[in-house]
Amino acid sequence: MMKKRMKQIAACMIAATMVAGLAGCGGNKDGNSSSGGGSGDKITLHFSFDQGVGEPTQKIVDKFNESQDKIQVETVLLPQDANQVHDDFVNKLASGDTSVDIMGLDVVYVSEFASAGWLMDLTDKVDTSTMLEGPVAGATYDGKLVAAPWFTNSSVLFYRTDVLEALGAEVPTTWEGWMELADKAVGTNGIEYGADFQAAQAEALVTNWVEYVWGNGGDILDEDGNPVVNSENNIEATNIMKTLVDEYAPEGVTTYTETESEQVFKEGKCLFIRDWSGFWSSGQDEGSKVTGKIAATKLPTGPSGEESHTCLGGLDLVVNNAISDEQKEAAIEFINYMTSAETQKEMTLISSQPPVVKDVYTDTEILEEIPFYADFYDIIMTGKSRPMSPQYAKVSDAIQRNIHQALTGEAEVEDALNTLQSEIEELNSEK
């Protein structure tokens, strides 16, 4: 009990530091009655998320509170660290703690939390008809909507427009086409390398590798959740990635996360970079040698693939299944506010976080502020979630280790995928 209480106190201290005037953090343990702090007879909801989206989210929450006469939402900020946020939520929900009603949950943990019975069923309570299909699929577990997509993100292939113009080349749509172009591009306008991406033994590697797999007609798990990672399509896809590592990327690419890969591209040394959508603006910051020379396109396909798919990120809104029916009803009203087209547009304008509501991408005001969305919309429409596994953290670790060994040459590609297949089969048997 003392250990859990200390974690609650720590969470309160973070929230109090980041948001001036925050009231009632962790104070209303049963979460079922209206609290003080000037909320009167209002139902109080505690909404917890990481401080990375703290300032824009607080503005939206404040606006919601001003419009309300029956609900008061109080925010509880956590560190901008996905693992710490995950552990904080697990500690609370596993113990039946109701001090938090609504959580901003990383999309990769939805299956884990839903399989444990911690999340409220939101089916028919949240309108998803206006949303991108990929985030909705990632918020669905065992046929039920267990999370409300809040905002999303996906990867993009950014390339050097000046180099393609100098070579008189069209934008390739296959990995083979990009390799052929890279062979011609070296030496043109400062290009030293064809490819740039993230291949360090980290979550970034998982998000990269699944895209090669999907783009070559493969997958990680089948419809029943069984692993299919050592298929011929996946072996071929992984060999494509290894060829890029060995022959087209900077020597240190197997140590690169986003920061390292972005730096090399901004130095003007690479033909293309696979990165998250936010690089559209950060890649053209002051000091970048490629400002005004970047365009975006879909990820390429492999020889056995017909369509590429970008990997989705982002946060979902989930409701603590242990809170009272009254709290749940209020939480649904708040979530529908947060996922409405009007609020999604406002959040996008103040945070630049990619929305989940489709119409926001074609809104005139949005396109004036973020013209990149004109190209990005078609890209994110192909988005898919990482493997929907209740044991995602362990699946991710297995992918990271085995694929990294394949890319560095510590293991043959086929051997690494066979080992990965066995490891995920073993994880499935532990259910």
Protein backbone atom coordinates (compact mmCIF):
# COMPACT_ATOMS: atom_id res chain seq x y z
CA MET A 1 0.00 0.00 0.00
CA MET A 2 2.79 2.42 0.87
CA LYS A 3 4.50 1.81 -2.48
CA LYS A 4 1.29 2.44 -4.42
CA ARG A 5 0.56 5.58 -2.43
CA MET A 6 4.06 6.91 -3.14
CA LYS A 7 3.42 6.44 -6.88
CA GLN A 8 0.17 8.40 -6.57
CA ILE A 9 1.97 11.19 -4.72
CA ALA A 10 4.67 11.27 -7.41
CA ALA A 11 2.03 11.54 -10.13
CA CYS A 12 0.42 14.43 -8.30
CA MET A 13 3.73 16.26 -7.97
CA ILE A 14 4.35 15.96 -11.73
CA ALA A 15 0.86 17.19 -12.50
CA ALA A 16 1.12 20.09 -10.07
CA THR A 17 4.44 21.15 -11.55
CA MET A 18 3.26 21.03 -15.16
CA VAL A 19 -0.24 22.46 -14.82
CA ALA A 20 -0.70 25.43 -12.50
CA GLY A 21 -3.70 25.24 -10.28
CA LEU A 22 -4.37 21.54 -10.84
CA ALA A 23 -6.82 20.37 -8.18
CA GLY A 24 -7.74 17.03 -6.67
CA CYS A 25 -4.96 14.84 -8.08
CA GLY A 26 -5.58 11.33 -6.77
CA GLY A 27 -7.66 12.75 -3.97
CA ASN A 28 -11.04 11.22 -4.77
CA LYS A 29 -10.06 7.59 -4.41
CA ASP A 30 -13.44 6.07 -5.27
CA GLY A 31 -13.78 8.39 -8.26
CA ASN A 32 -17.56 8.25 -7.98
CA SER A 33 -18.58 11.49 -6.29
CA SER A 34 -18.28 15.12 -7.23
CA SER A 35 -15.16 16.68 -5.80
CA GLY A 36 -14.17 20.10 -4.54
CA GLY A 37 -11.87 22.57 -6.19
CA GLY A 38 -14.76 24.76 -7.25
CA SER A 39 -16.56 22.06 -9.26
CA GLY A 40 -19.72 22.36 -7.11
CA ASP A 41 -22.13 19.55 -7.96
CA LYS A 42 -20.27 18.58 -11.10
CA ILE A 43 -19.08 15.05 -11.75
CA THR A 44 -15.29 15.09 -11.63
CA LEU A 45 -13.29 13.06 -14.14
CA HIS A 46 -9.56 12.52 -13.87
CA PHE A 47 -7.84 12.37 -17.25
CA SER A 48 -4.25 11.09 -17.31
CA PHE A 49 -1.78 11.33 -20.20
CA ASP A 50 1.86 12.11 -20.86
CA GLN A 51 3.21 15.64 -20.73
CA GLY A 52 4.35 15.48 -24.36
CA VAL A 53 0.86 16.59 -25.38
CA GLY A 54 0.20 18.44 -22.13
CA GLU A 55 -0.12 22.08 -23.19
CA PRO A 56 -2.45 21.70 -26.22
CA THR A 57 -4.54 19.08 -24.45
CA GLN A 58 -4.94 21.31 -21.41
CA LYS A 59 -6.29 24.08 -23.64
CA ILE A 60 -8.90 21.71 -25.07
CA VAL A 61 -9.84 20.42 -21.61
CA ASP A 62 -10.20 23.97 -20.29
CA LYS A 63 -12.54 24.80 -23.16
CA PHE A 64 -14.62 21.68 -22.44
CA ASN A 65 -14.85 22.59 -18.77
CA GLU A 66 -16.01 26.12 -19.62
CA SER A 67 -18.83 24.69 -21.73
CA GLN A 68 -20.03 22.38 -18.97
CA ASP A 69 -22.42 22.64 -16.07
CA LYS A 70 -22.29 18.98 -15.02
CA ILE A 71 -18.77 17.64 -15.74
CA GLN A 72 -15.36 18.86 -14.58
CA VAL A 73 -12.26 17.25 -16.09
CA GLU A 74 -9.03 17.43 -14.13
CA THR A 75 -5.76 16.45 -15.81
CA VAL A 76 -3.04 14.27 -14.35
CA LEU A 77 0.23 14.54 -16.28
CA LEU A 78 2.77 11.74 -16.47
CA PRO A 79 6.34 11.81 -17.83
CA GLN A 80 6.83 11.75 -21.60
CA ASP A 81 7.99 8.16 -21.54
CA ALA A 82 5.76 5.44 -23.01
CA ASN A 83 7.13 2.76 -20.67
CA GLN A 84 6.59 4.84 -17.53
CA VAL A 85 3.07 5.75 -18.62
CA HIS A 86 2.33 2.11 -19.39
CA ASP A 87 3.60 0.96 -15.98
CA ASP A 88 1.67 3.67 -14.14
CA PHE A 89 -1.58 2.66 -15.81
CA VAL A 90 -0.92 -1.06 -15.25
CA ASN A 91 -0.26 -0.52 -11.54
CA LYS A 92 -3.52 1.39 -11.17
CA LEU A 93 -5.81 -0.79 -13.24
CA ALA A 94 -4.45 -4.13 -12.02
CA SER A 95 -5.24 -3.09 -8.45
CA GLY A 96 -8.75 -1.82 -9.22
CA ASP A 97 -7.70 1.78 -8.54
CA THR A 98 -10.36 4.26 -9.72
CA SER A 99 -8.41 7.47 -9.15
CA VAL A 100 -8.08 7.83 -12.93
CA ASP A 101 -11.16 7.63 -15.15
CA ILE A 102 -9.82 8.32 -18.65
CA MET A 103 -6.35 7.62 -20.01
CA GLY A 104 -4.38 8.58 -23.10
CA LEU A 105 -3.00 5.14 -24.01
CA ASP A 106 -0.34 4.35 -26.59
CA VAL A 107 -2.00 2.42 -29.40
CA VAL A 108 0.31 -0.60 -29.02
CA TYR A 109 -1.03 -1.38 -25.53
CA VAL A 110 -4.75 -1.50 -26.35
CA SER A 111 -4.81 -5.29 -26.77
CA GLU A 112 -2.92 -5.88 -23.52
CA PHE A 113 -5.28 -3.70 -21.48
CA ALA A 114 -8.43 -4.99 -23.19
CA SER A 115 -7.49 -8.65 -22.73
CA ALA A 116 -7.10 -8.00 -18.99
CA GLY A 117 -10.65 -6.61 -18.82
CA TRP A 118 -9.48 -3.15 -17.76
CA LEU A 119 -11.14 -1.14 -20.53
CA MET A 120 -14.76 -0.14 -20.94
CA ASP A 121 -16.53 -1.38 -24.08
CA LEU A 122 -17.13 1.72 -26.20
CA THR A 123 -18.96 -0.05 -29.02
CA ASP A 124 -21.90 2.06 -30.24
CA LYS A 125 -20.96 4.79 -27.76
CA VAL A 126 -18.36 6.58 -29.90
CA ASP A 127 -18.97 7.52 -33.54
CA THR A 128 -16.13 6.07 -35.59
CA SER A 129 -17.80 6.46 -39.00
CA THR A 130 -15.92 9.71 -39.65
CA MET A 131 -12.53 8.32 -38.62
CA LEU A 132 -9.60 6.79 -40.48
CA GLU A 133 -10.05 3.02 -40.72
CA GLY A 134 -6.55 2.14 -39.51
CA PRO A 135 -6.78 3.79 -36.08
CA VAL A 136 -10.27 2.34 -35.57
CA ALA A 137 -9.02 -1.17 -36.36
CA GLY A 138 -6.20 -0.63 -33.85
CA ALA A 139 -8.74 0.40 -31.21
CA THR A 140 -10.79 -2.77 -31.68
CA TYR A 141 -10.19 -5.97 -29.72
CA ASP A 142 -12.15 -9.22 -29.97
CA GLY A 143 -14.73 -7.47 -32.14
CA LYS A 144 -15.35 -4.65 -29.66
CA LEU A 145 -14.32 -1.00 -29.74
CA VAL A 146 -12.33 -0.71 -26.52
CA ALA A 147 -10.62 2.62 -27.22
CA ALA A 148 -11.46 5.86 -28.99
CA PRO A 149 -8.81 6.99 -31.48
CA TRP A 150 -7.65 10.43 -30.30
CA PHE A 151 -4.81 11.39 -32.61
CA THR A 152 -2.59 9.35 -34.85
CA ASN A 153 0.66 9.41 -36.76
CA SER A 154 2.33 7.42 -39.48
CA SER A 155 5.58 7.13 -41.34
CA VAL A 156 6.30 8.72 -44.70
CA LEU A 157 8.98 8.34 -47.35
CA PHE A 158 10.57 11.79 -47.73
CA TYR A 159 12.83 12.33 -50.71
CA ARG A 160 15.03 14.99 -52.31
CA THR A 161 13.10 16.75 -55.04
CA ASP A 162 16.19 18.56 -56.34
CA VAL A 163 17.98 15.26 -56.94
CA LEU A 164 15.09 13.72 -58.85
CA GLU A 165 14.83 16.88 -60.94
CA ALA A 166 18.55 16.84 -61.68
CA LEU A 167 18.30 13.23 -62.84
CA GLY A 168 15.04 13.74 -64.71
CA ALA A 169 13.56 10.87 -62.70
CA GLU A 170 10.00 9.99 -61.71
CA VAL A 171 9.17 9.00 -58.13
CA PRO A 172 9.63 5.20 -57.82
CA THR A 173 6.90 3.08 -56.26
CA THR A 174 8.97 -0.06 -55.54
CA TRP A 175 12.07 -0.77 -53.49
CA GLU A 176 13.77 -2.01 -56.65
CA GLY A 177 13.02 1.32 -58.32
CA TRP A 178 14.46 3.31 -55.41
CA MET A 179 17.63 1.21 -55.42
CA GLU A 180 18.11 1.79 -59.15
CA LEU A 181 17.62 5.52 -58.62
CA ALA A 182 20.00 5.54 -55.66
CA ASP A 183 22.73 3.99 -57.82
CA LYS A 184 22.41 6.99 -60.15
CA ALA A 185 21.98 9.59 -57.42
CA VAL A 186 25.26 9.18 -55.53
CA GLY A 187 27.38 12.23 -56.25
CA THR A 188 24.44 14.39 -57.29
CA ASN A 189 23.78 17.47 -55.11
CA GLY A 190 25.75 16.09 -52.20
CA ILE A 191 24.18 12.62 -52.11
CA GLU A 192 26.41 10.01 -50.48
CA TYR A 193 23.78 7.40 -49.55
CA GLY A 194 20.57 6.17 -51.10
CA ALA A 195 18.60 5.13 -48.04
CA ASP A 196 18.11 6.48 -44.54
CA PHE A 197 15.88 4.95 -41.85
CA GLN A 198 15.88 3.60 -38.28
CA ALA A 199 17.41 0.18 -37.64
CA ALA A 200 18.68 0.36 -34.06
CA GLN A 201 17.56 -2.42 -31.72
CA ALA A 202 14.60 -0.42 -30.48
CA GLU A 203 10.88 0.04 -31.10
CA ALA A 204 11.84 2.15 -34.12
CA LEU A 205 13.14 -1.01 -35.79
CA VAL A 206 9.79 -2.74 -35.31
CA THR A 207 7.91 0.12 -36.98
CA ASN A 208 10.32 0.02 -39.93
CA TRP A 209 10.42 -3.75 -40.40
CA VAL A 210 6.66 -4.33 -40.37
CA GLU A 211 6.38 -1.92 -43.30
CA TYR A 212 8.72 -4.02 -45.45
CA VAL A 213 6.65 -7.07 -44.50
CA TRP A 214 3.27 -5.46 -45.26
CA GLY A 215 4.56 -3.96 -48.50
CA ASN A 216 5.62 -7.41 -49.69
CA GLY A 217 2.29 -9.09 -49.05
CA GLY A 218 3.27 -10.52 -45.66
CA ASP A 219 2.13 -10.09 -42.07
CA ILE A 220 3.25 -10.78 -38.50
CA LEU A 221 0.13 -12.48 -37.12
CA ASP A 222 -2.74 -14.09 -39.00
CA GLU A 223 -6.43 -13.37 -38.33
CA ASP A 224 -6.40 -15.78 -35.38
CA GLY A 225 -3.36 -14.17 -33.81
CA ASN A 226 -0.95 -16.92 -34.81
CA PRO A 227 2.55 -15.92 -35.97
CA VAL A 228 3.38 -16.14 -39.68
CA VAL A 229 6.71 -14.32 -39.55
CA ASN A 230 8.86 -16.92 -41.34
CA SER A 231 6.82 -16.92 -44.54
CA GLU A 232 8.52 -16.66 -47.93
CA ASN A 233 7.13 -13.14 -48.35
CA ASN A 234 8.66 -12.05 -45.04
CA ILE A 235 12.03 -13.61 -45.79
CA GLU A 236 12.08 -11.74 -49.10
CA ALA A 237 11.01 -8.50 -47.38
CA THR A 238 13.70 -8.77 -44.71
CA ASN A 239 16.35 -9.43 -47.34
CA ILE A 240 15.31 -6.18 -49.06
CA MET A 241 15.82 -4.32 -45.78
CA LYS A 242 19.19 -5.99 -45.29
CA THR A 243 20.27 -5.02 -48.81
CA LEU A 244 19.48 -1.40 -47.99
CA VAL A 245 21.50 -1.69 -44.77
CA ASP A 246 24.47 -3.29 -46.50
CA GLU A 247 24.60 -1.33 -49.75
CA TYR A 248 22.60 1.89 -49.59
CA ALA A 249 22.42 3.26 -46.05
CA PRO A 250 25.06 4.94 -43.87
CA GLU A 251 27.34 2.47 -42.11
CA GLY A 252 25.87 3.25 -38.70
CA VAL A 253 22.21 2.77 -39.68
CA THR A 254 21.82 -0.26 -37.37
CA THR A 255 22.43 2.15 -34.47
CA TYR A 256 20.05 4.83 -35.76
CA THR A 257 16.79 5.86 -34.16
CA GLU A 258 14.90 8.91 -35.44
CA THR A 259 17.40 11.48 -34.14
CA GLU A 260 20.47 10.02 -35.85
CA SER A 261 18.78 9.28 -39.16
CA GLU A 262 17.23 12.75 -39.35
CA GLN A 263 20.56 14.43 -38.76
CA VAL A 264 22.20 12.63 -41.70
CA PHE A 265 19.33 13.52 -44.01
CA LYS A 266 19.31 17.18 -42.95
CA GLU A 267 23.01 17.29 -43.80
CA GLY A 268 21.97 16.63 -47.40
CA LYS A 269 23.67 13.24 -47.70
CA CYS A 270 20.73 10.91 -48.42
CA LEU A 271 18.33 10.46 -51.31
CA PHE A 272 15.39 9.47 -49.10
CA ILE A 273 14.45 8.93 -45.47
CA ARG A 274 11.68 6.88 -43.93
CA ASP A 275 10.47 8.86 -40.92
CA TRP A 276 7.36 10.01 -39.04
CA SER A 277 5.16 12.74 -40.47
CA GLY A 278 6.51 15.41 -38.11
CA PHE A 279 9.79 15.40 -40.03
CA TRP A 280 8.07 17.42 -42.73
CA SER A 281 8.54 20.53 -40.60
CA SER A 282 11.52 19.60 -38.41
CA GLY A 283 13.52 18.50 -41.46
CA GLN A 284 13.33 22.02 -42.79
CA ASP A 285 14.34 23.82 -39.61
CA GLU A 286 16.98 26.53 -39.67
CA GLY A 287 20.34 24.93 -40.36
CA SER A 288 18.96 22.10 -42.49
CA LYS A 289 20.59 21.81 -45.91
CA VAL A 290 17.44 20.34 -47.45
CA THR A 291 14.94 23.09 -46.65
CA GLY A 292 12.60 23.49 -49.58
CA LYS A 293 13.94 20.34 -51.22
CA ILE A 294 11.75 17.70 -49.54
CA ALA A 295 8.63 15.98 -50.84
CA ALA A 296 6.60 13.08 -49.48
CA THR A 297 5.31 9.87 -51.01
CA LYS A 298 3.95 6.47 -50.04
CA LEU A 299 6.29 3.73 -48.93
CA PRO A 300 7.45 1.41 -51.72
CA THR A 301 6.22 -2.12 -52.32
CA GLY A 302 8.29 -5.27 -52.59
CA PRO A 303 8.27 -7.69 -55.54
CA SER A 304 5.55 -9.85 -53.96
CA GLY A 305 3.42 -6.96 -52.71
CA GLU A 306 0.59 -5.01 -54.28
CA GLU A 307 0.11 -2.20 -51.77
CA SER A 308 2.30 -0.58 -49.14
CA HIS A 309 1.12 0.19 -45.62
CA THR A 310 2.52 2.79 -43.28
CA CYS A 311 2.89 1.99 -39.58
CA LEU A 312 0.56 3.89 -37.26
CA GLY A 313 1.40 5.53 -33.95
CA GLY A 314 -0.59 7.85 -31.73
CA LEU A 315 -2.72 7.77 -28.60
CA ASP A 316 -6.20 6.46 -27.90
CA LEU A 317 -8.64 7.49 -25.19
CA VAL A 318 -9.67 4.61 -22.92
CA VAL A 319 -12.01 4.42 -19.94
CA ASN A 320 -11.22 2.62 -16.69
CA ASN A 321 -13.72 -0.24 -16.56
CA ALA A 322 -13.74 -0.17 -12.74
CA ILE A 323 -15.35 3.26 -12.34
CA SER A 324 -19.06 3.77 -11.66
CA ASP A 325 -21.75 3.90 -14.35
CA GLU A 326 -22.20 7.61 -13.64
CA GLN A 327 -18.50 8.25 -14.25
CA LYS A 328 -18.58 6.15 -17.40
CA GLU A 329 -21.49 8.12 -18.81
CA ALA A 330 -19.65 11.37 -18.18
CA ALA A 331 -16.47 9.93 -19.69
CA ILE A 332 -18.32 9.05 -22.90
CA GLU A 333 -19.58 12.63 -23.20
CA PHE A 334 -16.03 13.94 -22.80
CA ILE A 335 -14.58 11.46 -25.30
CA ASN A 336 -17.18 12.35 -27.92
CA TYR A 337 -16.22 15.98 -27.44
CA MET A 338 -12.53 15.19 -27.87
CA THR A 339 -13.12 13.15 -31.03
CA SER A 340 -15.59 15.51 -32.71
CA ALA A 341 -14.52 17.07 -36.01
CA GLU A 342 -14.50 20.56 -34.48
CA THR A 343 -12.27 19.60 -31.56
CA GLN A 344 -10.01 17.47 -33.77
CA LYS A 345 -9.47 20.47 -36.04
CA GLU A 346 -8.67 22.70 -33.07
CA MET A 347 -6.24 20.16 -31.61
CA THR A 348 -4.51 19.84 -34.97
CA LEU A 349 -4.06 23.60 -35.32
CA ILE A 350 -2.52 24.04 -31.87
CA SER A 351 -0.48 20.83 -31.72
CA SER A 352 0.13 19.68 -35.33
CA GLN A 353 -0.81 16.17 -34.17
CA PRO A 354 -2.40 14.27 -37.09
CA PRO A 355 -6.14 13.92 -36.48
CA VAL A 356 -8.22 10.75 -36.72
CA VAL A 357 -11.25 12.44 -38.32
CA LYS A 358 -10.87 12.24 -42.10
CA ASP A 359 -12.52 15.53 -43.02
CA VAL A 360 -9.95 17.53 -41.05
CA TYR A 361 -7.30 16.62 -43.63
CA THR A 362 -9.23 18.37 -46.39
CA ASP A 363 -10.31 21.41 -44.35
CA THR A 364 -9.29 24.66 -46.06
CA GLU A 365 -7.93 26.29 -42.90
CA ILE A 366 -5.95 23.18 -42.01
CA LEU A 367 -4.39 22.98 -45.48
CA GLU A 368 -3.40 26.65 -45.29
CA GLU A 369 -1.58 25.98 -42.02
CA ILE A 370 -0.29 22.49 -42.89
CA PRO A 371 -0.12 22.12 -46.70
CA PHE A 372 1.76 18.84 -46.22
CA TYR A 373 -1.58 17.21 -45.31
CA ALA A 374 -2.64 17.35 -48.97
CA ASP A 375 -0.06 14.61 -49.66
CA PHE A 376 -0.13 13.01 -46.23
CA TYR A 377 -3.82 12.11 -46.32
CA ASP A 378 -3.39 9.42 -49.00
CA ILE A 379 -0.38 8.07 -47.13
CA ILE A 380 -2.02 7.73 -43.73
CA MET A 381 -5.12 6.19 -45.30
CA THR A 382 -2.97 3.07 -45.83
CA GLY A 383 -1.95 2.93 -42.16
CA LYS A 384 -1.92 -0.28 -40.13
CA SER A 385 -1.30 -1.00 -36.47
CA ARG A 386 1.58 -3.08 -35.18
CA PRO A 387 0.73 -6.68 -34.17
CA MET A 388 -2.39 -6.67 -31.99
CA SER A 389 -1.10 -8.91 -29.23
CA PRO A 390 -1.94 -8.88 -25.50
CA GLN A 391 1.78 -9.54 -25.00
CA TYR A 392 2.93 -6.81 -27.35
CA ALA A 393 5.92 -5.75 -25.23
CA LYS A 394 7.38 -9.26 -25.43
CA VAL A 395 6.54 -9.60 -29.12
CA SER A 396 8.27 -6.29 -29.80
CA ASP A 397 11.36 -7.38 -27.88
CA ALA A 398 11.54 -10.60 -29.89
CA ILE A 399 11.24 -8.70 -33.17
CA GLN A 400 13.89 -6.19 -32.14
CA ARG A 401 16.46 -8.82 -31.17
CA ASN A 402 16.01 -11.20 -34.09
CA ILE A 403 15.60 -8.67 -36.89
CA HIS A 404 18.55 -6.65 -35.62
CA GLN A 405 20.70 -9.80 -35.69
CA ALA A 406 19.58 -10.43 -39.27
CA LEU A 407 20.42 -6.88 -40.36
CA THR A 408 23.85 -6.85 -38.68
CA GLY A 409 24.76 -10.28 -40.05
CA GLU A 410 24.86 -11.97 -36.65
CA ALA A 411 22.26 -14.40 -38.00
CA GLU A 412 21.09 -15.42 -41.46
CA VAL A 413 17.74 -13.83 -42.37
CA GLU A 414 15.87 -17.12 -42.64
CA ASP A 415 17.34 -18.40 -39.37
CA ALA A 416 16.41 -15.18 -37.58
CA LEU A 417 12.81 -15.38 -38.79
CA ASN A 418 12.55 -19.05 -37.82
CA THR A 419 13.75 -18.16 -34.32
CA LEU A 420 11.30 -15.26 -34.16
CA GLN A 421 8.49 -17.56 -35.26
CA SER A 422 9.33 -20.00 -32.45
CA GLU A 423 9.53 -17.24 -29.84
CA ILE A 424 6.14 -15.79 -30.71
CA GLU A 425 4.59 -19.27 -30.81
CA GLU A 426 5.91 -19.80 -27.29
CA LEU A 427 4.46 -16.48 -26.16
CA ASN A 428 1.08 -17.47 -27.60
CA SER A 429 1.18 -20.74 -25.69
CA GLU A 430 1.52 -18.79 -22.43
CA LYS A 431 -1.91 -17.16 -22.84
